[in-house]
């Protein structure tokens, strides 16, 4: 797992990596749904957000090592 964490730090520490991560965050974390969103839409967005949180966690853990 440490290898993956370190790889994420290296990858996301590049200008392109930072741009991609910011784009992913803008498409998920900064996205809102309409009040009439279906349960499935909410689950789908939450899954996307969980993936971004996982990537952020890998990066943070990799920085600590």
PDB file of N, CA and C in Angstrom:
ATOM      1  N   UNK A   1       0.823  -1.193   0.000  1.00  0.00           N
ATOM      2  CA  UNK A   1       0.000   0.000   0.000  1.00  0.00           C
ATOM      3  C   UNK A   1       0.868   1.259   0.000  1.00  0.00           C
ATOM      4  N   UNK A   2       1.994   1.209   0.687  1.00  0.00           N
ATOM      5  CA  UNK A   2       2.871   2.372   0.730  1.00  0.00           C
ATOM      6  C   UNK A   2       3.371   2.750  -0.662  1.00  0.00           C
ATOM      7  N   UNK A   3       3.581   1.744  -1.502  1.00  0.00           N
ATOM      8  CA  UNK A   3       4.020   2.019  -2.870  1.00  0.00           C
ATOM      9  C   UNK A   3       2.963   2.820  -3.626  1.00  0.00           C
ATOM     10  N   UNK A   4       1.706   2.465  -3.428  1.00  0.00           N
ATOM     11  CA  UNK A   4       0.614   3.177  -4.089  1.00  0.00           C
ATOM     12  C   UNK A   4       0.516   4.598  -3.543  1.00  0.00           C
ATOM     13  N   UNK A   5       0.668   4.745  -2.241  1.00  0.00           N
ATOM     14  CA  UNK A   5       0.625   6.081  -1.638  1.00  0.00           C
ATOM     15  C   UNK A   5       1.727   6.966  -2.204  1.00  0.00           C
ATOM     16  N   UNK A   6       2.918   6.437  -2.281  1.00  0.00           N
ATOM     17  CA  UNK A   6       4.042   7.222  -2.809  1.00  0.00           C
ATOM     18  C   UNK A   6       3.843   7.527  -4.290  1.00  0.00           C
ATOM     19  N   UNK A   7       3.285   6.580  -5.028  1.00  0.00           N
ATOM     20  CA  UNK A   7       3.014   6.808  -6.446  1.00  0.00           C
ATOM     21  C   UNK A   7       1.979   7.918  -6.625  1.00  0.00           C
ATOM     22  N   UNK A   8       0.967   7.939  -5.766  1.00  0.00           N
ATOM     23  CA  UNK A   8      -0.041   9.000  -5.850  1.00  0.00           C
ATOM     24  C   UNK A   8       0.573  10.363  -5.565  1.00  0.00           C
ATOM     25  N   UNK A   9       1.454  10.431  -4.587  1.00  0.00           N
ATOM     26  CA  UNK A   9       2.113  11.704  -4.281  1.00  0.00           C
ATOM     27  C   UNK A   9       2.921  12.173  -5.486  1.00  0.00           C
ATOM     28  N   UNK A  10       3.693  11.266  -6.073  1.00  0.00           N
ATOM     29  CA  UNK A  10       4.500  11.642  -7.243  1.00  0.00           C
ATOM     30  C   UNK A  10       3.616  12.075  -8.403  1.00  0.00           C
ATOM     31  N   UNK A  11       2.568  11.316  -8.654  1.00  0.00           N
ATOM     32  CA  UNK A  11       1.675  11.604  -9.769  1.00  0.00           C
ATOM     33  C   UNK A  11       0.955  12.936  -9.589  1.00  0.00           C
ATOM     34  N   UNK A  12       0.375  13.127  -8.428  1.00  0.00           N
ATOM     35  CA  UNK A  12      -0.436  14.314  -8.203  1.00  0.00           C
ATOM     36  C   UNK A  12       0.392  15.542  -7.847  1.00  0.00           C
ATOM     37  N   UNK A  13       1.679  15.382  -7.723  1.00  0.00           N
ATOM     38  CA  UNK A  13       2.556  16.512  -7.442  1.00  0.00           C
ATOM     39  C   UNK A  13       3.051  17.164  -8.737  1.00  0.00           C
ATOM     40  N   UNK A  14       2.662  16.627  -9.879  1.00  0.00           N
ATOM     41  CA  UNK A  14       3.031  17.220 -11.161  1.00  0.00           C
ATOM     42  C   UNK A  14       1.967  18.252 -11.535  1.00  0.00           C
ATOM     43  N   UNK A  15       2.301  19.192 -12.397  1.00  0.00           N
ATOM     44  CA  UNK A  15       1.280  20.160 -12.836  1.00  0.00           C
ATOM     45  C   UNK A  15       0.052  19.482 -13.450  1.00  0.00           C
ATOM     46  N   UNK A  16       0.274  18.467 -14.280  1.00  0.00           N
ATOM     47  CA  UNK A  16      -0.861  17.761 -14.883  1.00  0.00           C
ATOM     48  C   UNK A  16      -1.668  16.999 -13.836  1.00  0.00           C
ATOM     49  N   UNK A  17      -0.984  16.370 -12.896  1.00  0.00           N
ATOM     50  CA  UNK A  17      -1.676  15.638 -11.839  1.00  0.00           C
ATOM     51  C   UNK A  17      -2.542  16.559 -10.997  1.00  0.00           C
ATOM     52  N   UNK A  18      -2.008  17.729 -10.659  1.00  0.00           N
ATOM     53  CA  UNK A  18      -2.785  18.706  -9.881  1.00  0.00           C
ATOM     54  C   UNK A  18      -4.001  19.173 -10.664  1.00  0.00           C
ATOM     55  N   UNK A  19      -3.827  19.393 -11.959  1.00  0.00           N
ATOM     56  CA  UNK A  19      -4.932  19.833 -12.803  1.00  0.00           C
ATOM     57  C   UNK A  19      -6.020  18.772 -12.868  1.00  0.00           C
ATOM     58  N   UNK A  20      -5.625  17.518 -13.032  1.00  0.00           N
ATOM     59  CA  UNK A  20      -6.595  16.421 -13.112  1.00  0.00           C
ATOM     60  C   UNK A  20      -7.334  16.264 -11.787  1.00  0.00           C
ATOM     61  N   UNK A  21      -6.616  16.298 -10.674  1.00  0.00           N
ATOM     62  CA  UNK A  21      -7.262  16.146  -9.365  1.00  0.00           C
ATOM     63  C   UNK A  21      -8.240  17.283  -9.114  1.00  0.00           C
ATOM     64  N   UNK A  22      -7.866  18.500  -9.442  1.00  0.00           N
ATOM     65  CA  UNK A  22      -8.781  19.633  -9.269  1.00  0.00           C
ATOM     66  C   UNK A  22     -10.020  19.480 -10.147  1.00  0.00           C
ATOM     67  N   UNK A  23      -9.824  18.989 -11.358  1.00  0.00           N
ATOM     68  CA  UNK A  23     -10.970  18.758 -12.243  1.00  0.00           C
ATOM     69  C   UNK A  23     -11.909  17.705 -11.650  1.00  0.00           C
ATOM     70  N   UNK A  24     -11.341  16.616 -11.162  1.00  0.00           N
ATOM     71  CA  UNK A  24     -12.168  15.566 -10.550  1.00  0.00           C
ATOM     72  C   UNK A  24     -12.924  16.106  -9.342  1.00  0.00           C
ATOM     73  N   UNK A  25     -12.262  16.912  -8.538  1.00  0.00           N
ATOM     74  CA  UNK A  25     -12.929  17.500  -7.368  1.00  0.00           C
ATOM     75  C   UNK A  25     -14.064  18.426  -7.796  1.00  0.00           C
ATOM     76  N   UNK A  26     -13.826  19.217  -8.839  1.00  0.00           N
ATOM     77  CA  UNK A  26     -14.875  20.134  -9.291  1.00  0.00           C
ATOM     78  C   UNK A  26     -16.084  19.373  -9.829  1.00  0.00           C
ATOM     79  N   UNK A  27     -15.861  18.186 -10.388  1.00  0.00           N
ATOM     80  CA  UNK A  27     -16.949  17.383 -10.944  1.00  0.00           C
ATOM     81  C   UNK A  27     -17.682  16.569  -9.874  1.00  0.00           C
ATOM     82  N   UNK A  28     -17.092  16.467  -8.679  1.00  0.00           N
ATOM     83  CA  UNK A  28     -17.709  15.618  -7.645  1.00  0.00           C
ATOM     84  C   UNK A  28     -17.963  16.387  -6.354  1.00  0.00           C
ATOM     85  N   UNK A  29     -16.933  16.877  -5.716  1.00  0.00           N
ATOM     86  CA  UNK A  29     -17.082  17.522  -4.413  1.00  0.00           C
ATOM     87  C   UNK A  29     -17.844  18.836  -4.497  1.00  0.00           C
ATOM     88  N   UNK A  30     -17.665  19.558  -5.581  1.00  0.00           N
ATOM     89  CA  UNK A  30     -18.301  20.867  -5.727  1.00  0.00           C
ATOM     90  C   UNK A  30     -19.631  20.795  -6.471  1.00  0.00           C
ATOM     91  N   UNK A  31     -20.112  19.595  -6.698  1.00  0.00           N
ATOM     92  CA  UNK A  31     -21.353  19.388  -7.452  1.00  0.00           C
ATOM     93  C   UNK A  31     -22.527  19.245  -6.506  1.00  0.00           C
ATOM     94  N   UNK A  32     -23.616  19.841  -6.866  1.00  0.00           N
ATOM     95  CA  UNK A  32     -24.848  19.677  -6.092  1.00  0.00           C
ATOM     96  C   UNK A  32     -25.923  19.071  -6.986  1.00  0.00           C
ATOM     97  N   UNK A  33     -26.859  18.449  -6.365  1.00  0.00           N
ATOM     98  CA  UNK A  33     -27.988  17.865  -7.084  1.00  0.00           C
ATOM     99  C   UNK A  33     -29.246  18.641  -6.749  1.00  0.00           C
ATOM    100  N   UNK A  34     -30.199  18.550  -7.618  1.00  0.00           N
ATOM    101  CA  UNK A  34     -31.489  19.210  -7.402  1.00  0.00           C
ATOM    102  C   UNK A  34     -32.219  18.554  -6.236  1.00  0.00           C
ATOM    103  N   UNK A  35     -33.112  19.295  -5.609  1.00  0.00           N
ATOM    104  CA  UNK A  35     -33.867  18.720  -4.484  1.00  0.00           C
ATOM    105  C   UNK A  35     -34.665  17.471  -4.856  1.00  0.00           C
ATOM    106  N   UNK A  36     -35.012  17.342  -6.128  1.00  0.00           N
ATOM    107  CA  UNK A  36     -35.797  16.174  -6.536  1.00  0.00           C
ATOM    108  C   UNK A  36     -34.914  15.035  -7.068  1.00  0.00           C
ATOM    109  N   UNK A  37     -33.634  15.054  -6.734  1.00  0.00           N
ATOM    110  CA  UNK A  37     -32.719  13.994  -7.182  1.00  0.00           C
ATOM    111  C   UNK A  37     -33.181  12.643  -6.641  1.00  0.00           C
ATOM    112  N   UNK A  38     -32.993  11.629  -7.448  1.00  0.00           N
ATOM    113  CA  UNK A  38     -33.387  10.283  -7.029  1.00  0.00           C
ATOM    114  C   UNK A  38     -32.359   9.709  -6.057  1.00  0.00           C
ATOM    115  N   UNK A  39     -32.776   8.685  -5.372  1.00  0.00           N
ATOM    116  CA  UNK A  39     -31.868   7.992  -4.461  1.00  0.00           C
ATOM    117  C   UNK A  39     -30.654   7.468  -5.218  1.00  0.00           C
ATOM    118  N   UNK A  40     -30.876   6.958  -6.407  1.00  0.00           N
ATOM    119  CA  UNK A  40     -29.780   6.422  -7.211  1.00  0.00           C
ATOM    120  C   UNK A  40     -28.784   7.518  -7.586  1.00  0.00           C
ATOM    121  N   UNK A  41     -29.275   8.695  -7.924  1.00  0.00           N
ATOM    122  CA  UNK A  41     -28.387   9.810  -8.238  1.00  0.00           C
ATOM    123  C   UNK A  41     -27.551  10.207  -7.027  1.00  0.00           C
ATOM    124  N   UNK A  42     -28.169  10.216  -5.869  1.00  0.00           N
ATOM    125  CA  UNK A  42     -27.451  10.540  -4.628  1.00  0.00           C
ATOM    126  C   UNK A  42     -26.379   9.497  -4.332  1.00  0.00           C
ATOM    127  N   UNK A  43     -26.714   8.230  -4.480  1.00  0.00           N
ATOM    128  CA  UNK A  43     -25.744   7.155  -4.252  1.00  0.00           C
ATOM    129  C   UNK A  43     -24.573   7.264  -5.218  1.00  0.00           C
ATOM    130  N   UNK A  44     -24.887   7.540  -6.476  1.00  0.00           N
ATOM    131  CA  UNK A  44     -23.858   7.648  -7.507  1.00  0.00           C
ATOM    132  C   UNK A  44     -22.881   8.778  -7.178  1.00  0.00           C
ATOM    133  N   UNK A  45     -23.421   9.947  -6.830  1.00  0.00           N
ATOM    134  CA  UNK A  45     -22.563  11.081  -6.489  1.00  0.00           C
ATOM    135  C   UNK A  45     -21.754  10.790  -5.226  1.00  0.00           C
ATOM    136  N   UNK A  46     -22.366  10.150  -4.254  1.00  0.00           N
ATOM    137  CA  UNK A  46     -21.636   9.818  -3.028  1.00  0.00           C
ATOM    138  C   UNK A  46     -20.500   8.847  -3.323  1.00  0.00           C
ATOM    139  N   UNK A  47     -20.711   7.911  -4.222  1.00  0.00           N
ATOM    140  CA  UNK A  47     -19.640   6.996  -4.619  1.00  0.00           C
ATOM    141  C   UNK A  47     -18.483   7.745  -5.257  1.00  0.00           C
ATOM    142  N   UNK A  48     -18.798   8.721  -6.093  1.00  0.00           N
ATOM    143  CA  UNK A  48     -17.754   9.541  -6.715  1.00  0.00           C
ATOM    144  C   UNK A  48     -16.987  10.318  -5.651  1.00  0.00           C
ATOM    145  N   UNK A  49     -17.707  10.890  -4.727  1.00  0.00           N
ATOM    146  CA  UNK A  49     -17.073  11.662  -3.649  1.00  0.00           C
ATOM    147  C   UNK A  49     -16.197  10.766  -2.774  1.00  0.00           C
ATOM    148  N   UNK A  50     -16.662   9.563  -2.529  1.00  0.00           N
ATOM    149  CA  UNK A  50     -15.874   8.626  -1.725  1.00  0.00           C
ATOM    150  C   UNK A  50     -14.568   8.273  -2.434  1.00  0.00           C
ATOM    151  N   UNK A  51     -14.604   8.150  -3.749  1.00  0.00           N
ATOM    152  CA  UNK A  51     -13.385   7.856  -4.502  1.00  0.00           C
ATOM    153  C   UNK A  51     -12.393   9.007  -4.401  1.00  0.00           C
ATOM    154  N   UNK A  52     -12.857  10.235  -4.509  1.00  0.00           N
ATOM    155  CA  UNK A  52     -11.972  11.400  -4.386  1.00  0.00           C
ATOM    156  C   UNK A  52     -11.403  11.472  -2.968  1.00  0.00           C
ATOM    157  N   UNK A  53     -12.221  11.194  -1.981  1.00  0.00           N
ATOM    158  CA  UNK A  53     -11.732  11.188  -0.595  1.00  0.00           C
ATOM    159  C   UNK A  53     -10.658  10.115  -0.414  1.00  0.00           C
ATOM    160  N   UNK A  54     -10.849   8.966  -1.052  1.00  0.00           N
ATOM    161  CA  UNK A  54      -9.860   7.888  -0.989  1.00  0.00           C
ATOM    162  C   UNK A  54      -8.545   8.338  -1.621  1.00  0.00           C
ATOM    163  N   UNK A  55      -8.614   8.972  -2.795  1.00  0.00           N
ATOM    164  CA  UNK A  55      -7.403   9.464  -3.457  1.00  0.00           C
ATOM    165  C   UNK A  55      -6.697  10.502  -2.592  1.00  0.00           C
ATOM    166  N   UNK A  56      -7.466  11.429  -2.027  1.00  0.00           N
ATOM    167  CA  UNK A  56      -6.879  12.442  -1.131  1.00  0.00           C
ATOM    168  C   UNK A  56      -6.192  11.782   0.061  1.00  0.00           C
ATOM    169  N   UNK A  57      -6.817  10.740   0.597  1.00  0.00           N
ATOM    170  CA  UNK A  57      -6.242  10.037   1.734  1.00  0.00           C
ATOM    171  C   UNK A  57      -4.937   9.350   1.353  1.00  0.00           C
ATOM    172  N   UNK A  58      -4.905   8.717   0.178  1.00  0.00           N
ATOM    173  CA  UNK A  58      -3.666   8.082  -0.284  1.00  0.00           C
ATOM    174  C   UNK A  58      -2.554   9.128  -0.392  1.00  0.00           C
ATOM    175  N   UNK A  59      -2.881  10.288  -0.940  1.00  0.00           N
ATOM    176  CA  UNK A  59      -1.887  11.345  -1.090  1.00  0.00           C
ATOM    177  C   UNK A  59      -1.378  11.806   0.275  1.00  0.00           C
ATOM    178  N   UNK A  60      -2.290  12.044   1.198  1.00  0.00           N
ATOM    179  CA  UNK A  60      -1.887  12.507   2.531  1.00  0.00           C
ATOM    180  C   UNK A  60      -1.023  11.475   3.253  1.00  0.00           C
ATOM    181  N   UNK A  61      -1.412  10.206   3.164  1.00  0.00           N
ATOM    182  CA  UNK A  61      -0.631   9.160   3.815  1.00  0.00           C
ATOM    183  C   UNK A  61       0.747   9.040   3.168  1.00  0.00           C
ATOM    184  N   UNK A  62       0.810   9.193   1.857  1.00  0.00           N
ATOM    185  CA  UNK A  62       2.086   9.135   1.154  1.00  0.00           C
ATOM    186  C   UNK A  62       3.018  10.273   1.518  1.00  0.00           C
ATOM    187  N   UNK A  63       2.453  11.425   1.825  1.00  0.00           N
ATOM    188  CA  UNK A  63       3.263  12.584   2.232  1.00  0.00           C
ATOM    189  C   UNK A  63       3.861  12.381   3.625  1.00  0.00           C
ATOM    190  N   UNK A  64       3.179  11.603   4.462  1.00  0.00           N
ATOM    191  CA  UNK A  64       3.646  11.377   5.836  1.00  0.00           C
ATOM    192  C   UNK A  64       4.806  10.395   5.886  1.00  0.00           C
ATOM    193  N   UNK A  65       4.913   9.570   4.894  1.00  0.00           N
ATOM    194  CA  UNK A  65       5.952   8.513   4.890  1.00  0.00           C
ATOM    195  C   UNK A  65       7.282   9.066   4.465  1.00  0.00           C
TER     196      UNK A  65
END
